[in-house]
Amino acid sequence: MAKDDKIILACEICMSRNYTTNRSKNSKKRLELQKFCPKCNKKTLHKETK
């Protein structure tokens, strides 16, 4: 059974790191989710950072 990686999601607009989550190590693509950014005060695309 593969373990999960802890990842950080950053806002695409202001680059603020707002969220942490887990994903499986088997995934090759970077995670992209629509989340609320408190700094921008709106829903924006958040991408996985290194």
N, C-alpha and C. Protein backbone atom coordinates (compact mmCIF):
# COMPACT_ATOMS: atom_id res chain seq x y z
N MET A 1 0.84 -1.18 0.00
CA MET A 1 0.00 0.00 0.00
C MET A 1 0.89 1.25 0.00
N ALA A 2 0.63 2.17 -0.94
CA ALA A 2 1.43 3.38 -1.06
C ALA A 2 0.99 4.41 -0.02
N LYS A 3 1.96 5.13 0.50
CA LYS A 3 1.65 6.18 1.46
C LYS A 3 1.26 7.45 0.74
N ASP A 4 0.66 8.37 1.48
CA ASP A 4 0.26 9.66 0.91
C ASP A 4 1.34 10.70 1.15
N ASP A 5 1.44 11.63 0.21
CA ASP A 5 2.35 12.78 0.35
C ASP A 5 1.57 13.98 0.85
N LYS A 6 2.18 14.75 1.73
CA LYS A 6 1.59 15.99 2.19
C LYS A 6 2.01 17.08 1.21
N ILE A 7 1.05 17.80 0.64
CA ILE A 7 1.35 18.83 -0.35
C ILE A 7 0.76 20.16 0.09
N ILE A 8 1.30 21.25 -0.47
CA ILE A 8 0.84 22.60 -0.17
C ILE A 8 0.23 23.17 -1.44
N LEU A 9 -0.92 23.83 -1.30
CA LEU A 9 -1.58 24.48 -2.43
C LEU A 9 -1.39 25.99 -2.33
N ALA A 10 -0.97 26.62 -3.44
CA ALA A 10 -0.74 28.05 -3.48
C ALA A 10 -1.67 28.70 -4.50
N CYS A 11 -2.13 29.90 -4.15
CA CYS A 11 -3.00 30.67 -5.03
C CYS A 11 -2.22 31.07 -6.28
N GLU A 12 -2.85 30.94 -7.45
CA GLU A 12 -2.19 31.26 -8.70
C GLU A 12 -2.02 32.78 -8.87
N ILE A 13 -2.89 33.57 -8.28
CA ILE A 13 -2.86 35.02 -8.46
C ILE A 13 -1.87 35.69 -7.50
N CYS A 14 -2.03 35.47 -6.20
CA CYS A 14 -1.18 36.17 -5.21
C CYS A 14 -0.05 35.30 -4.68
N MET A 15 0.02 34.03 -5.07
CA MET A 15 1.05 33.08 -4.67
C MET A 15 1.09 32.81 -3.16
N SER A 16 0.02 33.11 -2.48
CA SER A 16 -0.09 32.85 -1.05
C SER A 16 -0.37 31.36 -0.84
N ARG A 17 0.36 30.75 0.10
CA ARG A 17 0.19 29.32 0.38
C ARG A 17 -0.88 29.15 1.46
N ASN A 18 -2.07 28.74 1.04
CA ASN A 18 -3.23 28.73 1.92
C ASN A 18 -3.64 27.37 2.45
N TYR A 19 -3.44 26.32 1.70
CA TYR A 19 -4.00 25.02 2.05
C TYR A 19 -2.94 23.91 2.02
N THR A 20 -3.14 22.90 2.88
CA THR A 20 -2.35 21.68 2.82
C THR A 20 -3.32 20.52 2.66
N THR A 21 -2.88 19.49 1.96
CA THR A 21 -3.72 18.33 1.73
C THR A 21 -2.82 17.12 1.47
N ASN A 22 -3.42 15.97 1.30
CA ASN A 22 -2.69 14.74 1.00
C ASN A 22 -3.09 14.22 -0.36
N ARG A 23 -2.14 13.55 -1.02
CA ARG A 23 -2.45 12.85 -2.27
C ARG A 23 -1.55 11.64 -2.37
N SER A 24 -1.93 10.68 -3.17
CA SER A 24 -1.16 9.45 -3.28
C SER A 24 0.15 9.70 -4.03
N LYS A 25 1.16 8.93 -3.71
CA LYS A 25 2.47 9.06 -4.37
C LYS A 25 2.43 8.58 -5.82
N ASN A 26 1.41 7.82 -6.17
CA ASN A 26 1.31 7.26 -7.52
C ASN A 26 0.93 8.31 -8.55
N SER A 27 0.37 9.42 -8.14
CA SER A 27 -0.08 10.46 -9.06
C SER A 27 1.11 11.20 -9.67
N LYS A 28 1.09 11.36 -10.97
CA LYS A 28 2.19 12.03 -11.68
C LYS A 28 1.92 13.51 -11.92
N LYS A 29 0.65 13.89 -12.13
CA LYS A 29 0.29 15.27 -12.42
C LYS A 29 0.23 16.10 -11.14
N ARG A 30 0.43 17.39 -11.29
CA ARG A 30 0.29 18.31 -10.16
C ARG A 30 -1.19 18.59 -9.93
N LEU A 31 -1.54 18.70 -8.67
CA LEU A 31 -2.93 18.91 -8.28
C LEU A 31 -3.33 20.36 -8.49
N GLU A 32 -4.53 20.59 -9.05
CA GLU A 32 -5.08 21.93 -9.24
C GLU A 32 -6.53 21.91 -8.77
N LEU A 33 -6.86 22.82 -7.85
CA LEU A 33 -8.21 22.90 -7.30
C LEU A 33 -8.69 24.33 -7.23
N GLN A 34 -10.00 24.52 -7.36
CA GLN A 34 -10.61 25.83 -7.13
C GLN A 34 -10.88 25.96 -5.63
N LYS A 35 -10.23 26.93 -4.98
CA LYS A 35 -10.38 27.14 -3.55
C LYS A 35 -10.56 28.63 -3.28
N PHE A 36 -11.07 28.94 -2.08
CA PHE A 36 -11.21 30.33 -1.67
C PHE A 36 -9.87 30.84 -1.13
N CYS A 37 -9.43 31.99 -1.64
CA CYS A 37 -8.20 32.62 -1.16
C CYS A 37 -8.57 33.79 -0.26
N PRO A 38 -8.22 33.73 1.03
CA PRO A 38 -8.57 34.82 1.94
C PRO A 38 -7.85 36.14 1.62
N LYS A 39 -6.68 36.06 1.01
CA LYS A 39 -5.94 37.27 0.66
C LYS A 39 -6.57 37.98 -0.54
N CYS A 40 -6.98 37.23 -1.56
CA CYS A 40 -7.64 37.79 -2.74
C CYS A 40 -9.13 38.04 -2.48
N ASN A 41 -9.66 37.35 -1.48
CA ASN A 41 -11.08 37.44 -1.10
C ASN A 41 -12.01 36.95 -2.21
N LYS A 42 -11.57 35.91 -2.94
CA LYS A 42 -12.41 35.29 -3.97
C LYS A 42 -11.93 33.88 -4.24
N LYS A 43 -12.70 33.14 -5.01
CA LYS A 43 -12.37 31.77 -5.37
C LYS A 43 -11.40 31.79 -6.55
N THR A 44 -10.23 31.17 -6.37
CA THR A 44 -9.20 31.16 -7.42
C THR A 44 -8.64 29.76 -7.58
N LEU A 45 -7.86 29.57 -8.63
CA LEU A 45 -7.20 28.30 -8.87
C LEU A 45 -5.99 28.18 -7.95
N HIS A 46 -5.89 27.08 -7.24
CA HIS A 46 -4.75 26.80 -6.37
C HIS A 46 -4.01 25.61 -6.94
N LYS A 47 -2.68 25.76 -7.08
CA LYS A 47 -1.85 24.70 -7.65
C LYS A 47 -0.89 24.16 -6.61
N GLU A 48 -0.52 22.92 -6.80
CA GLU A 48 0.44 22.27 -5.90
C GLU A 48 1.82 22.90 -6.05
N THR A 49 2.49 23.14 -4.93
CA THR A 49 3.84 23.68 -4.94
C THR A 49 4.83 22.62 -4.51
N LYS A 50 6.09 22.86 -4.72
CA LYS A 50 7.12 21.91 -4.34
C LYS A 50 7.45 22.05 -2.88
